[in-house]
Amino acid sequence: MIEPHDRRLALGLIREAIDAGASYKKACEILDVDERTVRRWRRQLRATDGLEDRRRESGGAR
């Protein structure tokens, strides 16, 4: 799991790389983060101003 602080850092690095001329795909590839994951983080950040992991914890009571 990637912590919210690290997600924000990754988003900033991707933005910086794109501003410097890198492609979105290449920036994600270098950080080893799937493009869909980055899009989800960006949507989540815009909608809630937070990047906490919203997945259910595995092994939880059901």
N, C-alpha and C. Protein backbone atom coordinates (compact mmCIF):
# COMPACT_ATOMS: atom_id res chain seq x y z
N MET A 1 0.84 -1.17 0.00
CA MET A 1 0.00 0.00 0.00
C MET A 1 0.89 1.24 0.00
N ILE A 2 0.51 2.21 -0.77
CA ILE A 2 1.25 3.46 -0.85
C ILE A 2 0.56 4.48 0.04
N GLU A 3 1.31 5.06 0.95
CA GLU A 3 0.77 6.02 1.91
C GLU A 3 0.32 7.30 1.20
N PRO A 4 -0.68 8.00 1.77
CA PRO A 4 -1.18 9.23 1.15
C PRO A 4 -0.09 10.26 0.86
N HIS A 5 0.86 10.41 1.77
CA HIS A 5 1.95 11.37 1.54
C HIS A 5 2.75 10.99 0.30
N ASP A 6 3.02 9.70 0.15
CA ASP A 6 3.79 9.22 -1.00
C ASP A 6 2.99 9.35 -2.30
N ARG A 7 1.68 9.21 -2.20
CA ARG A 7 0.83 9.39 -3.38
C ARG A 7 0.90 10.83 -3.86
N ARG A 8 0.82 11.77 -2.92
CA ARG A 8 0.93 13.19 -3.28
C ARG A 8 2.29 13.49 -3.91
N LEU A 9 3.33 12.91 -3.34
CA LEU A 9 4.67 13.09 -3.87
C LEU A 9 4.75 12.55 -5.30
N ALA A 10 4.21 11.36 -5.52
CA ALA A 10 4.22 10.76 -6.85
C ALA A 10 3.46 11.63 -7.85
N LEU A 11 2.30 12.15 -7.44
CA LEU A 11 1.53 13.02 -8.34
C LEU A 11 2.32 14.27 -8.69
N GLY A 12 3.03 14.82 -7.72
CA GLY A 12 3.85 16.00 -7.98
C GLY A 12 5.00 15.69 -8.92
N LEU A 13 5.63 14.54 -8.73
CA LEU A 13 6.74 14.16 -9.61
C LEU A 13 6.26 13.91 -11.04
N ILE A 14 5.09 13.30 -11.16
CA ILE A 14 4.54 13.06 -12.49
C ILE A 14 4.22 14.38 -13.17
N ARG A 15 3.62 15.31 -12.44
CA ARG A 15 3.31 16.63 -13.00
C ARG A 15 4.60 17.34 -13.43
N GLU A 16 5.62 17.26 -12.60
CA GLU A 16 6.91 17.89 -12.91
C GLU A 16 7.53 17.28 -14.17
N ALA A 17 7.47 15.96 -14.28
CA ALA A 17 8.03 15.28 -15.45
C ALA A 17 7.28 15.68 -16.72
N ILE A 18 5.96 15.76 -16.64
CA ILE A 18 5.16 16.16 -17.79
C ILE A 18 5.47 17.59 -18.19
N ASP A 19 5.58 18.47 -17.20
CA ASP A 19 5.92 19.87 -17.48
C ASP A 19 7.29 20.00 -18.14
N ALA A 20 8.18 19.04 -17.84
CA ALA A 20 9.53 19.06 -18.42
C ALA A 20 9.58 18.37 -19.78
N GLY A 21 8.43 17.84 -20.23
CA GLY A 21 8.38 17.27 -21.57
C GLY A 21 8.19 15.77 -21.65
N ALA A 22 8.15 15.09 -20.52
CA ALA A 22 7.94 13.64 -20.54
C ALA A 22 6.47 13.33 -20.83
N SER A 23 6.22 12.17 -21.36
CA SER A 23 4.84 11.76 -21.57
C SER A 23 4.26 11.27 -20.24
N TYR A 24 2.95 11.34 -20.14
CA TYR A 24 2.25 10.84 -18.95
C TYR A 24 2.58 9.37 -18.74
N LYS A 25 2.53 8.61 -19.82
CA LYS A 25 2.81 7.18 -19.75
C LYS A 25 4.22 6.91 -19.24
N LYS A 26 5.20 7.63 -19.76
CA LYS A 26 6.59 7.41 -19.36
C LYS A 26 6.81 7.82 -17.91
N ALA A 27 6.20 8.92 -17.48
CA ALA A 27 6.35 9.36 -16.09
C ALA A 27 5.81 8.30 -15.14
N CYS A 28 4.66 7.73 -15.46
CA CYS A 28 4.09 6.68 -14.62
C CYS A 28 4.97 5.43 -14.64
N GLU A 29 5.47 5.11 -15.81
CA GLU A 29 6.32 3.93 -15.97
C GLU A 29 7.59 4.05 -15.11
N ILE A 30 8.20 5.21 -15.11
CA ILE A 30 9.43 5.41 -14.34
C ILE A 30 9.18 5.23 -12.85
N LEU A 31 8.02 5.68 -12.38
CA LEU A 31 7.68 5.52 -10.96
C LEU A 31 7.08 4.15 -10.66
N ASP A 32 6.89 3.35 -11.70
CA ASP A 32 6.32 2.01 -11.56
C ASP A 32 4.92 2.06 -10.93
N VAL A 33 4.12 3.01 -11.42
CA VAL A 33 2.74 3.16 -10.97
C VAL A 33 1.86 3.10 -12.21
N ASP A 34 0.83 2.28 -12.16
CA ASP A 34 -0.08 2.14 -13.29
C ASP A 34 -0.78 3.47 -13.59
N GLU A 35 -0.95 3.76 -14.86
CA GLU A 35 -1.62 5.01 -15.26
C GLU A 35 -3.02 5.11 -14.68
N ARG A 36 -3.73 4.00 -14.64
CA ARG A 36 -5.09 4.01 -14.09
C ARG A 36 -5.08 4.35 -12.60
N THR A 37 -4.07 3.87 -11.90
CA THR A 37 -3.95 4.19 -10.48
C THR A 37 -3.75 5.68 -10.28
N VAL A 38 -2.90 6.28 -11.10
CA VAL A 38 -2.64 7.72 -10.99
C VAL A 38 -3.92 8.51 -11.31
N ARG A 39 -4.66 8.09 -12.32
CA ARG A 39 -5.92 8.77 -12.64
C ARG A 39 -6.89 8.67 -11.47
N ARG A 40 -6.94 7.50 -10.83
CA ARG A 40 -7.83 7.32 -9.68
C ARG A 40 -7.41 8.24 -8.53
N TRP A 41 -6.10 8.32 -8.27
CA TRP A 41 -5.61 9.22 -7.22
C TRP A 41 -5.99 10.66 -7.52
N ARG A 42 -5.84 11.07 -8.77
CA ARG A 42 -6.15 12.45 -9.13
C ARG A 42 -7.64 12.74 -8.96
N ARG A 43 -8.49 11.79 -9.38
CA ARG A 43 -9.94 11.96 -9.19
C ARG A 43 -10.27 12.03 -7.71
N GLN A 44 -9.68 11.15 -6.92
CA GLN A 44 -9.94 11.11 -5.49
C GLN A 44 -9.48 12.41 -4.83
N LEU A 45 -8.34 12.91 -5.22
CA LEU A 45 -7.82 14.15 -4.64
C LEU A 45 -8.74 15.32 -4.96
N ARG A 46 -9.22 15.40 -6.19
CA ARG A 46 -10.13 16.49 -6.58
C ARG A 46 -11.46 16.39 -5.82
N ALA A 47 -11.94 15.18 -5.63
CA ALA A 47 -13.26 14.98 -5.02
C ALA A 47 -13.25 15.14 -3.50
N THR A 48 -12.18 14.72 -2.84
CA THR A 48 -12.20 14.67 -1.38
C THR A 48 -11.05 15.39 -0.71
N ASP A 49 -10.08 15.83 -1.47
CA ASP A 49 -8.86 16.45 -0.93
C ASP A 49 -8.11 15.49 -0.02
N GLY A 50 -8.23 14.21 -0.28
CA GLY A 50 -7.50 13.22 0.50
C GLY A 50 -7.14 12.04 -0.38
N LEU A 51 -6.10 11.33 0.02
CA LEU A 51 -5.64 10.20 -0.79
C LEU A 51 -5.54 8.92 0.04
N GLU A 52 -6.39 8.78 1.04
CA GLU A 52 -6.34 7.58 1.85
C GLU A 52 -6.79 6.38 1.02
N ASP A 53 -6.24 5.23 1.35
CA ASP A 53 -6.60 4.00 0.67
C ASP A 53 -8.02 3.62 1.08
N ARG A 54 -8.90 3.47 0.11
CA ARG A 54 -10.30 3.18 0.43
C ARG A 54 -10.65 1.71 0.25
N ARG A 55 -9.65 0.88 -0.02
CA ARG A 55 -9.93 -0.55 -0.15
C ARG A 55 -10.22 -1.14 1.22
N ARG A 56 -11.04 -2.16 1.23
CA ARG A 56 -11.29 -2.87 2.48
C ARG A 56 -10.04 -3.65 2.84
N GLU A 57 -9.78 -3.71 4.12
CA GLU A 57 -8.62 -4.48 4.56
C GLU A 57 -8.91 -5.96 4.37
N SER A 58 -7.93 -6.68 3.87
CA SER A 58 -8.13 -8.11 3.66
C SER A 58 -8.18 -8.82 5.01
N GLY A 59 -8.96 -9.86 5.06
CA GLY A 59 -9.05 -10.65 6.29
C GLY A 59 -9.98 -10.07 7.33
N GLY A 60 -10.72 -9.04 6.98
CA GLY A 60 -11.64 -8.42 7.93
C GLY A 60 -12.86 -9.29 8.19
N ALA A 61 -13.55 -9.01 9.27
CA ALA A 61 -14.76 -9.76 9.61
C ALA A 61 -15.84 -9.47 8.59
N ARG A 62 -16.58 -10.49 8.24
CA ARG A 62 -17.66 -10.33 7.26
C ARG A 62 -18.94 -10.86 7.79
